[in-house]
């Protein structure tokens, strides 16, 4: 026990308030408060005015040539359709806050879902066409995308889906990608 007390005493001596010369001491720089001077905290400070809430910004997606989308799938060995699918779902999400989508999950559904089960790609296509329908309705387009047509023409489904999405952007005169819209 006496050895333990000795070690505790040595440890407490090493923790004394003295510091070696090579260790810099950083002391807080507190302003001296004098009774005759008012403290900065006692003075009234103006409260910042709240920022007016802005309407959520909507942006236009990219108008793509439908057949070019389909043709690019061959030289890229099927990579471009995945990139395209991600992009159109991201553009739909950015177009309206009411269109809820995670573009990455949509791509996972058509890739891993196709390998593992086969049903998730069909569900993802149906959901994407319903998002396009919602965007068409919001834009005022009289045309509506059909999930049945997209699935029936699965070989050319990209062409159909892109042409329907272009009808949304046509309502705004096909401005460049990311052009903000008035709410």
Protein backbone atom coordinates (compact mmCIF):
# COMPACT_ATOMS: atom_id res chain seq x y z
CA UNK A 1 0.00 0.00 0.00
CA UNK A 2 2.80 2.39 0.77
CA UNK A 3 4.18 1.86 -2.75
CA UNK A 4 0.80 2.78 -4.18
CA UNK A 5 0.63 5.97 -2.09
CA UNK A 6 4.12 6.86 -3.25
CA UNK A 7 3.08 6.41 -6.93
CA UNK A 8 -0.05 8.53 -6.42
CA UNK A 9 2.03 11.25 -4.78
CA UNK A 10 4.52 11.21 -7.70
CA UNK A 11 1.71 11.38 -10.22
CA UNK A 12 0.11 14.34 -8.47
CA UNK A 13 3.45 16.14 -8.39
CA UNK A 14 3.83 15.68 -12.15
CA UNK A 15 0.40 17.25 -12.63
CA UNK A 16 1.36 20.42 -10.82
CA UNK A 17 0.61 23.83 -12.26
CA UNK A 18 4.19 24.33 -13.37
CA UNK A 19 4.74 23.67 -17.06
CA UNK A 20 7.98 22.92 -18.81
CA UNK A 21 9.50 25.80 -20.74
CA UNK A 22 9.06 24.11 -24.12
CA UNK A 23 5.25 23.68 -23.74
CA UNK A 24 3.39 26.84 -24.73
CA UNK A 25 0.77 28.03 -22.31
CA UNK A 26 -2.44 29.20 -23.91
CA UNK A 27 -4.44 31.36 -21.59
CA UNK A 28 -7.83 32.78 -22.49
CA UNK A 29 -7.79 36.45 -23.26
CA UNK A 30 -10.67 37.72 -21.15
CA UNK A 31 -11.36 41.44 -21.32
CA UNK A 32 -11.04 43.16 -18.00
CA UNK A 33 -14.42 44.25 -16.78
CA UNK A 34 -14.45 47.58 -15.05
CA UNK A 35 -17.50 48.63 -13.08
CA UNK A 36 -17.65 52.03 -14.77
CA UNK A 37 -17.77 50.56 -18.31
CA UNK A 38 -20.97 48.88 -19.49
CA UNK A 39 -20.39 45.32 -20.62
CA UNK A 40 -21.06 44.50 -24.26
CA UNK A 41 -23.70 42.00 -23.17
CA UNK A 42 -25.72 44.64 -21.31
CA UNK A 43 -26.11 46.78 -24.41
CA UNK A 44 -29.12 46.09 -26.57
CA UNK A 45 -28.19 44.33 -29.76
CA UNK A 46 -30.49 44.45 -32.77
CA UNK A 47 -32.17 41.19 -33.63
CA UNK A 48 -31.69 40.16 -37.21
CA UNK A 49 -34.81 40.19 -39.30
CA UNK A 50 -36.03 36.77 -40.43
CA UNK A 51 -35.33 35.95 -44.03
CA UNK A 52 -38.46 35.66 -46.10
CA UNK A 53 -39.10 32.07 -47.06
CA UNK A 54 -38.61 31.52 -50.74
CA UNK A 55 -40.59 29.12 -52.80
CA UNK A 56 -38.60 26.00 -53.54
CA UNK A 57 -36.70 26.41 -56.76
CA UNK A 58 -37.60 24.19 -59.67
CA UNK A 59 -35.23 23.60 -62.51
CA UNK A 60 -35.62 22.29 -66.02
CA UNK A 61 -33.99 19.06 -67.08
CA UNK A 62 -32.07 18.36 -70.27
CA UNK A 63 -33.82 17.76 -73.56
CA UNK A 64 -32.19 14.74 -75.17
CA UNK A 65 -32.71 13.19 -78.56
CA UNK A 66 -34.64 9.97 -77.77
CA UNK A 67 -32.95 7.81 -80.40
CA UNK A 68 -29.50 9.05 -79.42
CA UNK A 69 -30.15 7.81 -75.87
CA UNK A 70 -30.98 4.38 -77.23
CA UNK A 71 -28.09 4.27 -79.70
CA UNK A 72 -25.50 5.26 -77.08
CA UNK A 73 -26.23 2.09 -75.16
CA UNK A 74 -24.36 0.00 -77.75
CA UNK A 75 -20.90 1.62 -77.86
CA UNK A 76 -20.92 2.05 -74.07
CA UNK A 77 -21.83 -1.64 -73.56
CA UNK A 78 -24.93 -0.78 -71.56
CA UNK A 79 -23.35 1.76 -69.22
CA UNK A 80 -25.00 4.83 -70.74
CA UNK A 81 -28.57 3.63 -70.02
CA UNK A 82 -27.69 3.43 -66.31
CA UNK A 83 -26.24 6.94 -66.35
CA UNK A 84 -29.24 8.16 -68.34
CA UNK A 85 -31.71 6.55 -65.91
CA UNK A 86 -29.96 8.18 -62.96
CA UNK A 87 -29.97 11.57 -64.70
CA UNK A 88 -33.64 11.57 -65.69
CA UNK A 89 -34.71 10.57 -62.19
CA UNK A 90 -32.50 13.29 -60.71
CA UNK A 91 -33.96 15.84 -63.13
CA UNK A 92 -37.50 14.80 -62.16
CA UNK A 93 -36.61 15.16 -58.46
CA UNK A 94 -35.11 18.59 -59.09
CA UNK A 95 -38.10 19.65 -61.18
CA UNK A 96 -40.60 19.48 -58.34
CA UNK A 97 -40.48 18.86 -54.62
CA UNK A 98 -43.63 16.76 -54.97
CA UNK A 99 -41.76 14.19 -57.03
CA UNK A 100 -40.02 12.01 -54.47
CA UNK A 101 -37.21 9.85 -55.81
CA UNK A 102 -33.74 8.69 -54.91
CA UNK A 103 -32.03 8.40 -58.30
CA UNK A 104 -29.36 6.02 -57.00
CA UNK A 105 -31.97 3.60 -55.69
CA UNK A 106 -33.76 3.68 -59.03
CA UNK A 107 -30.53 2.57 -60.73
CA UNK A 108 -29.98 -0.14 -58.11
CA UNK A 109 -33.51 -1.40 -58.79
CA UNK A 110 -32.86 -1.80 -62.50
CA UNK A 111 -29.39 -3.34 -62.10
CA UNK A 112 -29.21 -5.54 -59.02
CA UNK A 113 -32.96 -6.04 -59.03
CA UNK A 114 -32.79 -7.42 -62.56
CA UNK A 115 -29.99 -9.79 -61.64
CA UNK A 116 -31.49 -11.02 -58.39
CA UNK A 117 -35.24 -11.11 -58.92
CA UNK A 118 -36.35 -9.51 -62.19
CA UNK A 119 -39.39 -7.65 -60.83
CA UNK A 120 -37.75 -4.45 -59.43
CA UNK A 121 -36.85 -3.07 -62.89
CA UNK A 122 -40.49 -3.27 -63.97
CA UNK A 123 -41.61 -1.56 -60.76
CA UNK A 124 -38.93 1.10 -61.22
CA UNK A 125 -40.05 1.75 -64.81
CA UNK A 126 -43.67 2.05 -63.67
CA UNK A 127 -42.66 4.50 -60.94
CA UNK A 128 -40.50 6.53 -63.34
CA UNK A 129 -43.36 6.80 -65.84
CA UNK A 130 -45.71 7.89 -63.04
CA UNK A 131 -43.18 10.58 -62.08
CA UNK A 132 -43.08 11.72 -65.69
CA UNK A 133 -46.90 11.83 -65.68
CA UNK A 134 -46.80 14.02 -62.59
CA UNK A 135 -44.23 16.31 -64.22
CA UNK A 136 -46.33 16.50 -67.37
CA UNK A 137 -49.34 17.47 -65.30
CA UNK A 138 -47.36 20.14 -63.40
CA UNK A 139 -46.01 21.58 -66.64
CA UNK A 140 -49.43 21.80 -68.25
CA UNK A 141 -48.64 19.31 -71.00
CA UNK A 142 -51.75 17.62 -72.39
CA UNK A 143 -49.79 14.40 -73.10
CA UNK A 144 -49.36 11.69 -70.48
CA UNK A 145 -46.71 9.01 -70.25
CA UNK A 146 -48.00 5.43 -70.17
CA UNK A 147 -46.33 2.78 -68.03
CA UNK A 148 -47.92 0.04 -70.13
CA UNK A 149 -46.38 1.40 -73.33
CA UNK A 150 -42.98 1.78 -71.67
CA UNK A 151 -43.02 -1.85 -70.54
CA UNK A 152 -44.51 -3.24 -73.79
CA UNK A 153 -41.81 -1.63 -75.86
CA UNK A 154 -39.09 -2.58 -73.36
CA UNK A 155 -36.49 -2.81 -76.12
CA UNK A 156 -37.26 0.80 -77.07
CA UNK A 157 -38.56 1.91 -73.68
CA UNK A 158 -35.73 4.43 -73.31
CA UNK A 159 -36.83 6.13 -76.53
CA UNK A 160 -40.43 6.34 -75.33
CA UNK A 161 -39.57 7.52 -71.81
CA UNK A 162 -37.16 10.20 -73.07
CA UNK A 163 -39.65 11.45 -75.65
CA UNK A 164 -42.30 11.77 -72.93
CA UNK A 165 -39.89 13.57 -70.60
CA UNK A 166 -38.96 15.94 -73.42
CA UNK A 167 -42.64 16.95 -73.58
CA UNK A 168 -42.28 18.36 -70.06
CA UNK A 169 -39.25 20.44 -71.03
CA UNK A 170 -41.01 21.49 -74.28
CA UNK A 171 -43.58 23.35 -72.16
CA UNK A 172 -40.78 25.70 -71.11
CA UNK A 173 -39.22 26.15 -74.56
CA UNK A 174 -36.34 23.70 -73.96
CA UNK A 175 -34.06 26.01 -71.97
CA UNK A 176 -30.61 24.77 -70.90
CA UNK A 177 -30.27 22.16 -68.17
CA UNK A 178 -30.73 23.62 -64.69
CA UNK A 179 -32.62 26.74 -65.75
CA UNK A 180 -34.69 27.88 -62.73
CA UNK A 181 -38.44 28.16 -63.20
CA UNK A 182 -40.85 30.59 -61.68
CA UNK A 183 -43.04 28.88 -59.09
